[in-house]
Amino acid sequence: MVNLSGVGVWSMQLRYGDPGESAEAAAELEELGYSALWVPDVGGPVFDSVGHLLDATRTVTVATGILNLWMHTPEDTAKGFASLTAAHGDRFLMGIGVSHAPLVDQAGPGTYRRPLTAMETFLDGLDAADPPVPADRRVLAALGPKMLGLAARRSAGVHPYLVTPDHTRAARAALGDDALVLPEQTVILCADREEAHAIGRPWLQGYLGMANYANNLVRLGFSPEEVASASDRVLDAMIAWGDEAAVLRRIDEHRAAGADHVAVQVLTADGKAFPREEWRRLAAALR
């Protein structure tokens, strides 16, 4: 099993931003002490992107958060994994997820169905590949009890996205002491509540329109009305905003709830820009 601790960076920009700046930023993030770089998979050659970041760094783990199983065959996924590990050793952690129906069905209506079965079938394919993707080199994007249970049986752990420390606690209880619990935590370095909410609410509303996330928040105790409106209470629970101390408090809450590692996603007013100054500020606070 990969030994992943500390704090990492989850970044859309590292995957889809300018390749030159992506490589430069990855090298700096490694120097700043972040232990992992997490990238999403919403289209395009994901293994090329992971390889690009591995080439730019020396020791940091690069992880998919997550590899969208509808966009890849198990056979090609296993080949990509084998190629990257042959070139870079055990620095690639494969996060796998079922994504969301509105996104997946854009390519073909009706593609997204029976997500738990689809995940089981995909894992069967990874196990049967030559060479296989070892269970201890993959984690699942798991929110609900059934996917958490599958992760406990067939992977090294979980990488839950858009969750609270309460979910981290539930994930740890479901997986036991030996599995990896690696939540994502979105943050905004902004002391003004109105500004932080102006940055965070449109971003959050985009996610809460997806049933997987909305249902998970209802399980965590929020009302459907609060979730549908991305209320202040929901926003403050999902996004850690304020100064560095406020962000560190939320990271510590995840750790106290059982997280091995927290992947921090920084939001700014410019969603396309690399938040390099914010990454530097957080790294200094973490030290």
C-alpha atoms as a PDB file:
ATOM      1  CA  MET A   1       0.000   0.000   0.000  1.00  0.00           C
ATOM      2  CA  VAL A   2       1.186   3.513  -0.797  1.00  0.00           C
ATOM      3  CA  ASN A   3       2.279   5.429   2.290  1.00  0.00           C
ATOM      4  CA  LEU A   4       0.366   8.672   1.960  1.00  0.00           C
ATOM      5  CA  SER A   5       0.179  11.189   4.782  1.00  0.00           C
ATOM      6  CA  GLY A   6       0.328  14.939   5.243  1.00  0.00           C
ATOM      7  CA  VAL A   7      -1.446  17.360   2.937  1.00  0.00           C
ATOM      8  CA  GLY A   8      -1.710  17.285  -0.841  1.00  0.00           C
ATOM      9  CA  VAL A   9      -3.050  19.572  -3.552  1.00  0.00           C
ATOM     10  CA  TRP A  10      -6.139  18.783  -5.641  1.00  0.00           C
ATOM     11  CA  SER A  11      -6.051  20.923  -8.766  1.00  0.00           C
ATOM     12  CA  MET A  12      -7.984  21.277 -12.001  1.00  0.00           C
ATOM     13  CA  GLN A  13      -5.242  23.606 -13.229  1.00  0.00           C
ATOM     14  CA  LEU A  14      -2.498  20.991 -12.903  1.00  0.00           C
ATOM     15  CA  ARG A  15      -4.495  18.764 -15.261  1.00  0.00           C
ATOM     16  CA  TYR A  16      -6.008  21.202 -17.737  1.00  0.00           C
ATOM     17  CA  GLY A  17      -3.919  24.384 -17.417  1.00  0.00           C
ATOM     18  CA  ASP A  18      -0.937  25.445 -19.499  1.00  0.00           C
ATOM     19  CA  PRO A  19       1.445  22.437 -19.586  1.00  0.00           C
ATOM     20  CA  GLY A  20       4.536  24.537 -18.980  1.00  0.00           C
ATOM     21  CA  GLU A  21       3.104  26.218 -15.925  1.00  0.00           C
ATOM     22  CA  SER A  22       1.656  22.913 -14.767  1.00  0.00           C
ATOM     23  CA  ALA A  23       5.110  21.310 -14.741  1.00  0.00           C
ATOM     24  CA  GLU A  24       6.659  24.326 -13.053  1.00  0.00           C
ATOM     25  CA  ALA A  25       3.927  24.464 -10.423  1.00  0.00           C
ATOM     26  CA  ALA A  26       4.168  20.722  -9.737  1.00  0.00           C
ATOM     27  CA  ALA A  27       7.905  20.999  -9.083  1.00  0.00           C
ATOM     28  CA  GLU A  28       7.318  23.916  -6.734  1.00  0.00           C
ATOM     29  CA  LEU A  29       4.526  22.134  -4.872  1.00  0.00           C
ATOM     30  CA  GLU A  30       6.878  19.230  -4.263  1.00  0.00           C
ATOM     31  CA  GLU A  31       9.516  21.602  -2.929  1.00  0.00           C
ATOM     32  CA  LEU A  32       6.911  23.266  -0.712  1.00  0.00           C
ATOM     33  CA  GLY A  33       6.323  19.931   1.011  1.00  0.00           C
ATOM     34  CA  TYR A  34       2.976  18.769  -0.332  1.00  0.00           C
ATOM     35  CA  SER A  35       2.887  14.979  -0.339  1.00  0.00           C
ATOM     36  CA  ALA A  36       0.573  14.356  -3.307  1.00  0.00           C
ATOM     37  CA  LEU A  37      -0.830  16.046  -6.400  1.00  0.00           C
ATOM     38  CA  TRP A  38      -4.406  15.087  -7.297  1.00  0.00           C
ATOM     39  CA  VAL A  39      -5.928  15.678 -10.731  1.00  0.00           C
ATOM     40  CA  PRO A  40      -9.458  15.119 -12.089  1.00  0.00           C
ATOM     41  CA  ASP A  41     -10.555  13.228 -15.175  1.00  0.00           C
ATOM     42  CA  VAL A  42     -13.329  14.919 -17.127  1.00  0.00           C
ATOM     43  CA  GLY A  43     -11.992  14.137 -20.583  1.00  0.00           C
ATOM     44  CA  GLY A  44      -8.681  13.856 -22.393  1.00  0.00           C
ATOM     45  CA  PRO A  45      -5.662  11.550 -22.028  1.00  0.00           C
ATOM     46  CA  VAL A  46      -5.425  11.222 -18.259  1.00  0.00           C
ATOM     47  CA  PHE A  47      -2.323   9.002 -18.233  1.00  0.00           C
ATOM     48  CA  ASP A  48      -0.430  11.531 -20.335  1.00  0.00           C
ATOM     49  CA  SER A  49      -1.323  14.195 -17.786  1.00  0.00           C
ATOM     50  CA  VAL A  50      -0.231  12.032 -14.860  1.00  0.00           C
ATOM     51  CA  GLY A  51       3.018  11.210 -16.654  1.00  0.00           C
ATOM     52  CA  HIS A  52       3.611  14.907 -17.305  1.00  0.00           C
ATOM     53  CA  LEU A  53       3.417  15.637 -13.567  1.00  0.00           C
ATOM     54  CA  LEU A  54       5.540  12.625 -12.658  1.00  0.00           C
ATOM     55  CA  ASP A  55       8.184  13.773 -15.139  1.00  0.00           C
ATOM     56  CA  ALA A  56       8.203  17.218 -13.529  1.00  0.00           C
ATOM     57  CA  THR A  57       8.720  15.891  -9.987  1.00  0.00           C
ATOM     58  CA  ARG A  58      10.971  13.455  -8.171  1.00  0.00           C
ATOM     59  CA  THR A  59       9.295  12.013  -5.088  1.00  0.00           C
ATOM     60  CA  VAL A  60       5.726  13.313  -4.747  1.00  0.00           C
ATOM     61  CA  THR A  61       2.774  10.974  -5.321  1.00  0.00           C
ATOM     62  CA  VAL A  62       0.552  11.819  -8.296  1.00  0.00           C
ATOM     63  CA  ALA A  63      -3.027  10.581  -7.985  1.00  0.00           C
ATOM     64  CA  THR A  64      -6.181  10.631 -10.058  1.00  0.00           C
ATOM     65  CA  GLY A  65      -9.041  12.203  -8.218  1.00  0.00           C
ATOM     66  CA  ILE A  66     -10.675  10.479  -9.918  1.00  0.00           C
ATOM     67  CA  LEU A  67     -10.203   8.364 -13.028  1.00  0.00           C
ATOM     68  CA  ASN A  68     -13.678   8.279 -14.600  1.00  0.00           C
ATOM     69  CA  LEU A  69     -14.350   4.595 -15.234  1.00  0.00           C
ATOM     70  CA  TRP A  70     -16.879   5.302 -17.996  1.00  0.00           C
ATOM     71  CA  MET A  71     -14.132   6.921 -20.085  1.00  0.00           C
ATOM     72  CA  HIS A  72     -11.665   4.013 -19.969  1.00  0.00           C
ATOM     73  CA  THR A  73     -11.569   0.265 -20.448  1.00  0.00           C
ATOM     74  CA  PRO A  74     -10.020  -1.829 -17.679  1.00  0.00           C
ATOM     75  CA  GLU A  75      -7.457  -3.164 -20.161  1.00  0.00           C
ATOM     76  CA  ASP A  76      -6.240   0.282 -21.243  1.00  0.00           C
ATOM     77  CA  THR A  77      -6.294   1.462 -17.637  1.00  0.00           C
ATOM     78  CA  ALA A  78      -4.094  -1.429 -16.544  1.00  0.00           C
ATOM     79  CA  LYS A  79      -1.684  -0.721 -19.414  1.00  0.00           C
ATOM     80  CA  GLY A  80      -1.482   2.937 -18.422  1.00  0.00           C
ATOM     81  CA  PHE A  81      -0.827   2.011 -14.822  1.00  0.00           C
ATOM     82  CA  ALA A  82       1.880  -0.472 -15.791  1.00  0.00           C
ATOM     83  CA  SER A  83       3.610   2.050 -18.050  1.00  0.00           C
ATOM     84  CA  LEU A  84       3.649   4.785 -15.419  1.00  0.00           C
ATOM     85  CA  THR A  85       4.867   2.535 -12.621  1.00  0.00           C
ATOM     86  CA  ALA A  86       7.602   1.091 -14.846  1.00  0.00           C
ATOM     87  CA  ALA A  87       8.856   4.604 -15.542  1.00  0.00           C
ATOM     88  CA  HIS A  88       8.322   6.196 -12.119  1.00  0.00           C
ATOM     89  CA  GLY A  89       8.063   3.455  -9.512  1.00  0.00           C
ATOM     90  CA  ASP A  90       5.280   3.451  -6.960  1.00  0.00           C
ATOM     91  CA  ARG A  91       4.489   7.172  -7.242  1.00  0.00           C
ATOM     92  CA  PHE A  92       1.145   6.809  -9.034  1.00  0.00           C
ATOM     93  CA  LEU A  93      -2.006   6.203  -6.990  1.00  0.00           C
ATOM     94  CA  MET A  94      -5.091   5.396  -9.015  1.00  0.00           C
ATOM     95  CA  GLY A  95      -8.260   6.946  -7.669  1.00  0.00           C
ATOM     96  CA  ILE A  96     -11.291   5.505  -9.495  1.00  0.00           C
ATOM     97  CA  GLY A  97     -14.841   6.797  -9.516  1.00  0.00           C
ATOM     98  CA  VAL A  98     -18.218   6.534 -11.232  1.00  0.00           C
ATOM     99  CA  SER A  99     -18.594  10.308 -11.681  1.00  0.00           C
ATOM    100  CA  HIS A 100     -22.149  11.606 -12.216  1.00  0.00           C
ATOM    101  CA  ALA A 101     -24.994  10.889 -14.603  1.00  0.00           C
ATOM    102  CA  PRO A 102     -25.348  14.445 -16.018  1.00  0.00           C
ATOM    103  CA  LEU A 103     -21.676  14.426 -17.029  1.00  0.00           C
ATOM    104  CA  VAL A 104     -21.396  10.852 -18.238  1.00  0.00           C
ATOM    105  CA  ASP A 105     -24.637  10.875 -20.221  1.00  0.00           C
ATOM    106  CA  GLN A 106     -23.502  13.875 -22.266  1.00  0.00           C
ATOM    107  CA  ALA A 107     -21.488  11.438 -24.374  1.00  0.00           C
ATOM    108  CA  GLY A 108     -24.410   9.028 -24.722  1.00  0.00           C
ATOM    109  CA  PRO A 109     -27.762   9.144 -22.902  1.00  0.00           C
ATOM    110  CA  GLY A 110     -28.271   6.126 -20.703  1.00  0.00           C
ATOM    111  CA  THR A 111     -24.563   5.334 -20.334  1.00  0.00           C
ATOM    112  CA  TYR A 112     -24.632   5.981 -16.596  1.00  0.00           C
ATOM    113  CA  ARG A 113     -26.499   3.136 -14.929  1.00  0.00           C
ATOM    114  CA  ARG A 114     -26.015   0.786 -11.979  1.00  0.00           C
ATOM    115  CA  PRO A 115     -22.874   2.595 -10.768  1.00  0.00           C
ATOM    116  CA  LEU A 116     -22.028   0.102  -8.030  1.00  0.00           C
ATOM    117  CA  THR A 117     -22.175  -2.796 -10.491  1.00  0.00           C
ATOM    118  CA  ALA A 118     -20.156  -0.772 -12.993  1.00  0.00           C
ATOM    119  CA  MET A 119     -17.445  -0.250 -10.381  1.00  0.00           C
ATOM    120  CA  GLU A 120     -17.382  -3.937  -9.461  1.00  0.00           C
ATOM    121  CA  THR A 121     -17.088  -4.895 -13.123  1.00  0.00           C
ATOM    122  CA  PHE A 122     -14.320  -2.375 -13.702  1.00  0.00           C
ATOM    123  CA  LEU A 123     -12.366  -3.710 -10.718  1.00  0.00           C
ATOM    124  CA  ASP A 124     -12.858  -7.256 -12.020  1.00  0.00           C
ATOM    125  CA  GLY A 125     -11.268  -6.107 -15.262  1.00  0.00           C
ATOM    126  CA  LEU A 126      -8.318  -4.523 -13.461  1.00  0.00           C
ATOM    127  CA  ASP A 127      -7.792  -7.753 -11.518  1.00  0.00           C
ATOM    128  CA  ALA A 128      -7.908  -9.842 -14.687  1.00  0.00           C
ATOM    129  CA  ALA A 129      -5.572  -7.625 -16.726  1.00  0.00           C
ATOM    130  CA  ASP A 130      -2.009  -8.675 -17.519  1.00  0.00           C
ATOM    131  CA  PRO A 131      -0.432  -7.251 -15.469  1.00  0.00           C
ATOM    132  CA  PRO A 132      -3.253  -6.371 -13.055  1.00  0.00           C
ATOM    133  CA  VAL A 133      -3.637  -3.158 -11.109  1.00  0.00           C
ATOM    134  CA  PRO A 134      -2.992  -4.254  -7.507  1.00  0.00           C
ATOM    135  CA  ALA A 135      -5.772  -3.545  -5.033  1.00  0.00           C
ATOM    136  CA  ASP A 136      -3.311  -1.760  -2.775  1.00  0.00           C
ATOM    137  CA  ARG A 137      -2.499   0.757  -5.550  1.00  0.00           C
ATOM    138  CA  ARG A 138      -6.065   1.965  -6.050  1.00  0.00           C
ATOM    139  CA  VAL A 139      -8.635   3.873  -4.006  1.00  0.00           C
ATOM    140  CA  LEU A 140     -12.297   4.526  -4.738  1.00  0.00           C
ATOM    141  CA  ALA A 141     -14.363   7.689  -4.763  1.00  0.00           C
ATOM    142  CA  ALA A 142     -16.885   6.494  -2.195  1.00  0.00           C
ATOM    143  CA  LEU A 143     -19.645   8.516  -0.560  1.00  0.00           C
ATOM    144  CA  GLY A 144     -22.482   6.148   0.339  1.00  0.00           C
ATOM    145  CA  PRO A 145     -22.415   2.987   2.460  1.00  0.00           C
ATOM    146  CA  LYS A 146     -22.409   0.507  -0.434  1.00  0.00           C
ATOM    147  CA  MET A 147     -19.467   2.092  -2.247  1.00  0.00           C
ATOM    148  CA  LEU A 148     -17.602   2.453   1.050  1.00  0.00           C
ATOM    149  CA  GLY A 149     -18.136  -1.247   1.626  1.00  0.00           C
ATOM    150  CA  LEU A 150     -16.848  -2.105  -1.835  1.00  0.00           C
ATOM    151  CA  ALA A 151     -13.790   0.057  -1.249  1.00  0.00           C
ATOM    152  CA  ALA A 152     -13.102  -1.766   2.003  1.00  0.00           C
ATOM    153  CA  ARG A 153     -13.175  -5.118   0.214  1.00  0.00           C
ATOM    154  CA  ARG A 154     -11.364  -4.321  -3.013  1.00  0.00           C
ATOM    155  CA  SER A 155      -9.063  -1.329  -2.657  1.00  0.00           C
ATOM    156  CA  ALA A 156      -6.568   0.395  -0.413  1.00  0.00           C
ATOM    157  CA  GLY A 157      -9.132   2.945   0.720  1.00  0.00           C
ATOM    158  CA  VAL A 158     -11.177   5.951  -0.338  1.00  0.00           C
ATOM    159  CA  HIS A 159     -10.820   9.409  -1.837  1.00  0.00           C
ATOM    160  CA  PRO A 160     -14.130  11.136  -1.038  1.00  0.00           C
ATOM    161  CA  TYR A 161     -14.727  14.513  -2.729  1.00  0.00           C
ATOM    162  CA  LEU A 162     -16.844  17.352  -1.315  1.00  0.00           C
ATOM    163  CA  VAL A 163     -17.248  15.948   2.167  1.00  0.00           C
ATOM    164  CA  THR A 164     -17.168  17.087   5.783  1.00  0.00           C
ATOM    165  CA  PRO A 165     -15.120  15.725   8.691  1.00  0.00           C
ATOM    166  CA  ASP A 166     -18.280  13.875   9.744  1.00  0.00           C
ATOM    167  CA  HIS A 167     -18.111  11.919   6.501  1.00  0.00           C
ATOM    168  CA  THR A 168     -14.428  11.258   7.095  1.00  0.00           C
ATOM    169  CA  ARG A 169     -15.377   9.789  10.474  1.00  0.00           C
ATOM    170  CA  ALA A 170     -18.010   7.570   8.873  1.00  0.00           C
ATOM    171  CA  ALA A 171     -15.568   6.444   6.196  1.00  0.00           C
ATOM    172  CA  ARG A 172     -12.980   5.497   8.784  1.00  0.00           C
ATOM    173  CA  ALA A 173     -15.567   3.515  10.727  1.00  0.00           C
ATOM    174  CA  ALA A 174     -16.671   1.714   7.558  1.00  0.00           C
ATOM    175  CA  LEU A 175     -13.166   0.855   6.350  1.00  0.00           C
ATOM    176  CA  GLY A 176     -11.391   0.078   9.601  1.00  0.00           C
ATOM    177  CA  ASP A 177      -8.013   1.139  10.881  1.00  0.00           C
ATOM    178  CA  ASP A 178      -5.779  -0.159   8.093  1.00  0.00           C
ATOM    179  CA  ALA A 179      -7.373   1.428   5.014  1.00  0.00           C
ATOM    180  CA  LEU A 180      -6.498   4.827   3.559  1.00  0.00           C
ATOM    181  CA  VAL A 181      -8.986   7.669   4.047  1.00  0.00           C
ATOM    182  CA  LEU A 182      -7.957  10.556   1.767  1.00  0.00           C
ATOM    183  CA  PRO A 183     -10.650  13.261   1.618  1.00  0.00           C
ATOM    184  CA  GLU A 184     -10.621  16.343  -0.592  1.00  0.00           C
ATOM    185  CA  GLN A 185     -11.206  19.668   1.164  1.00  0.00           C
ATOM    186  CA  THR A 186     -12.027  22.854  -0.731  1.00  0.00           C
ATOM    187  CA  VAL A 187     -10.679  26.090   0.749  1.00  0.00           C
ATOM    188  CA  ILE A 188     -10.790  29.827   0.071  1.00  0.00           C
ATOM    189  CA  LEU A 189      -8.097  32.052   1.583  1.00  0.00           C
ATOM    190  CA  CYS A 190     -10.299  35.068   2.157  1.00  0.00           C
ATOM    191  CA  ALA A 191     -11.198  36.690   5.478  1.00  0.00           C
ATOM    192  CA  ASP A 192     -14.310  38.496   4.192  1.00  0.00           C
ATOM    193  CA  ARG A 193     -17.425  36.332   4.503  1.00  0.00           C
ATOM    194  CA  GLU A 194     -19.308  38.047   1.683  1.00  0.00           C
ATOM    195  CA  GLU A 195     -16.380  37.687  -0.719  1.00  0.00           C
ATOM    196  CA  ALA A 196     -15.748  34.062   0.257  1.00  0.00           C
ATOM    197  CA  HIS A 197     -19.400  33.192  -0.273  1.00  0.00           C
ATOM    198  CA  ALA A 198     -19.432  35.009  -3.623  1.00  0.00           C
ATOM    199  CA  ILE A 199     -16.503  32.868  -4.768  1.00  0.00           C
ATOM    200  CA  GLY A 200     -17.717  29.622  -3.262  1.00  0.00           C
ATOM    201  CA  ARG A 201     -21.463  29.543  -3.874  1.00  0.00           C
ATOM    202  CA  PRO A 202     -21.525  29.310  -7.712  1.00  0.00           C
ATOM    203  CA  TRP A 203     -18.856  26.617  -7.579  1.00  0.00           C
ATOM    204  CA  LEU A 204     -20.755  24.692  -4.899  1.00  0.00           C
ATOM    205  CA  GLN A 205     -24.115  24.977  -6.663  1.00  0.00           C
ATOM    206  CA  GLY A 206     -22.626  23.322  -9.717  1.00  0.00           C
ATOM    207  CA  TYR A 207     -21.817  20.236  -7.659  1.00  0.00           C
ATOM    208  CA  LEU A 208     -24.969  20.154  -5.550  1.00  0.00           C
ATOM    209  CA  GLY A 209     -27.060  19.808  -8.679  1.00  0.00           C
ATOM    210  CA  MET A 210     -25.641  16.281  -8.920  1.00  0.00           C
ATOM    211  CA  ALA A 211     -27.584  13.619  -7.044  1.00  0.00           C
ATOM    212  CA  ASN A 212     -24.556  11.824  -5.589  1.00  0.00           C
ATOM    213  CA  TYR A 213     -23.369  14.893  -3.706  1.00  0.00           C
ATOM    214  CA  ALA A 214     -26.824  16.154  -2.778  1.00  0.00           C
ATOM    215  CA  ASN A 215     -27.866  12.777  -1.366  1.00  0.00           C
ATOM    216  CA  ASN A 216     -24.645  12.508   0.604  1.00  0.00           C
ATOM    217  CA  LEU A 217     -25.225  15.851   2.291  1.00  0.00           C
ATOM    218  CA  VAL A 218     -28.746  14.813   3.228  1.00  0.00           C
ATOM    219  CA  ARG A 219     -27.269  11.671   4.807  1.00  0.00           C
ATOM    220  CA  LEU A 220     -24.933  13.955   6.740  1.00  0.00           C
ATOM    221  CA  GLY A 221     -27.872  15.845   8.263  1.00  0.00           C
ATOM    222  CA  PHE A 222     -28.592  18.758   5.934  1.00  0.00           C
ATOM    223  CA  SER A 223     -32.125  19.282   4.706  1.00  0.00           C
ATOM    224  CA  PRO A 224     -32.932  18.908   0.989  1.00  0.00           C
ATOM    225  CA  GLU A 225     -33.898  22.591   0.968  1.00  0.00           C
ATOM    226  CA  GLU A 226     -30.529  23.631   2.407  1.00  0.00           C
ATOM    227  CA  VAL A 227     -28.718  21.526  -0.167  1.00  0.00           C
ATOM    228  CA  ALA A 228     -30.795  22.751  -3.096  1.00  0.00           C
ATOM    229  CA  SER A 229     -30.082  26.390  -2.229  1.00  0.00           C
ATOM    230  CA  ALA A 230     -26.436  25.867  -1.221  1.00  0.00           C
ATOM    231  CA  SER A 231     -27.326  27.633   2.030  1.00  0.00           C
ATOM    232  CA  ASP A 232     -24.808  29.463   4.169  1.00  0.00           C
ATOM    233  CA  ARG A 233     -24.716  26.524   6.580  1.00  0.00           C
ATOM    234  CA  VAL A 234     -23.982  24.082   3.777  1.00  0.00           C
ATOM    235  CA  LEU A 235     -21.348  26.355   2.239  1.00  0.00           C
ATOM    236  CA  ASP A 236     -19.552  26.904   5.533  1.00  0.00           C
ATOM    237  CA  ALA A 237     -19.555  23.157   6.182  1.00  0.00           C
ATOM    238  CA  MET A 238     -18.214  22.243   2.747  1.00  0.00           C
ATOM    239  CA  ILE A 239     -15.702  25.037   2.135  1.00  0.00           C
ATOM    240  CA  ALA A 240     -13.098  26.098   4.689  1.00  0.00           C
ATOM    241  CA  TRP A 241     -12.698  29.834   4.206  1.00  0.00           C
ATOM    242  CA  GLY A 242     -10.776  32.478   6.114  1.00  0.00           C
ATOM    243  CA  ASP A 243      -7.103  32.813   6.927  1.00  0.00           C
ATOM    244  CA  GLU A 244      -4.504  30.062   7.045  1.00  0.00           C
ATOM    245  CA  ALA A 245      -5.444  29.181  10.619  1.00  0.00           C
ATOM    246  CA  ALA A 246      -9.053  28.552   9.579  1.00  0.00           C
ATOM    247  CA  VAL A 247      -7.940  26.193   6.828  1.00  0.00           C
ATOM    248  CA  LEU A 248      -5.571  24.344   9.149  1.00  0.00           C
ATOM    249  CA  ARG A 249      -8.388  23.898  11.673  1.00  0.00           C
ATOM    250  CA  ARG A 250     -10.494  22.147   9.060  1.00  0.00           C
ATOM    251  CA  ILE A 251      -7.587  19.934   8.012  1.00  0.00           C
ATOM    252  CA  ASP A 252      -7.058  19.037  11.671  1.00  0.00           C
ATOM    253  CA  GLU A 253     -10.758  18.171  11.989  1.00  0.00           C
ATOM    254  CA  HIS A 254     -10.410  15.689   9.146  1.00  0.00           C
ATOM    255  CA  ARG A 255      -7.327  14.202  10.760  1.00  0.00           C
ATOM    256  CA  ALA A 256      -9.059  13.910  14.120  1.00  0.00           C
ATOM    257  CA  ALA A 257     -11.925  12.139  12.327  1.00  0.00           C
ATOM    258  CA  GLY A 258      -9.555   9.560  10.853  1.00  0.00           C
ATOM    259  CA  ALA A 259      -8.061  10.995   7.664  1.00  0.00           C
ATOM    260  CA  ASP A 260      -4.575   9.820   6.721  1.00  0.00           C
ATOM    261  CA  HIS A 261      -4.134  12.627   4.203  1.00  0.00           C
ATOM    262  CA  VAL A 262      -6.140  15.665   3.101  1.00  0.00           C
ATOM    263  CA  ALA A 263      -6.134  16.904  -0.512  1.00  0.00           C
ATOM    264  CA  VAL A 264      -6.671  20.669  -0.472  1.00  0.00           C
ATOM    265  CA  GLN A 265      -8.380  22.360  -3.410  1.00  0.00           C
ATOM    266  CA  VAL A 266      -7.924  26.143  -3.459  1.00  0.00           C
ATOM    267  CA  LEU A 267     -10.649  28.303  -4.996  1.00  0.00           C
ATOM    268  CA  THR A 268     -10.040  31.878  -6.096  1.00  0.00           C
ATOM    269  CA  ALA A 269     -12.087  34.455  -7.977  1.00  0.00           C
ATOM    270  CA  ASP A 270     -10.293  33.403 -11.176  1.00  0.00           C
ATOM    271  CA  GLY A 271     -11.115  29.735 -11.527  1.00  0.00           C
ATOM    272  CA  LYS A 272      -8.649  29.172 -14.364  1.00  0.00           C
ATOM    273  CA  ALA A 273      -5.556  30.715 -12.792  1.00  0.00           C
ATOM    274  CA  PHE A 274      -3.044  28.605 -10.891  1.00  0.00           C
ATOM    275  CA  PRO A 275      -3.459  29.643  -7.204  1.00  0.00           C
ATOM    276  CA  ARG A 276       0.282  29.579  -6.619  1.00  0.00           C
ATOM    277  CA  GLU A 277       0.431  32.326  -4.012  1.00  0.00           C
ATOM    278  CA  GLU A 278      -2.298  30.608  -1.989  1.00  0.00           C
ATOM    279  CA  TRP A 279      -0.435  27.284  -2.239  1.00  0.00           C
ATOM    280  CA  ARG A 280       2.677  29.011  -0.909  1.00  0.00           C
ATOM    281  CA  ARG A 281       0.793  30.609   1.976  1.00  0.00           C
ATOM    282  CA  LEU A 282      -0.749  27.300   3.015  1.00  0.00           C
ATOM    283  CA  ALA A 283       2.589  25.484   2.754  1.00  0.00           C
ATOM    284  CA  ALA A 284       4.208  28.066   5.039  1.00  0.00           C
ATOM    285  CA  ALA A 285       1.384  27.655   7.561  1.00  0.00           C
ATOM    286  CA  LEU A 286       1.625  23.866   7.415  1.00  0.00           C
ATOM    287  CA  ARG A 287       5.317  24.045   8.220  1.00  0.00           C
END
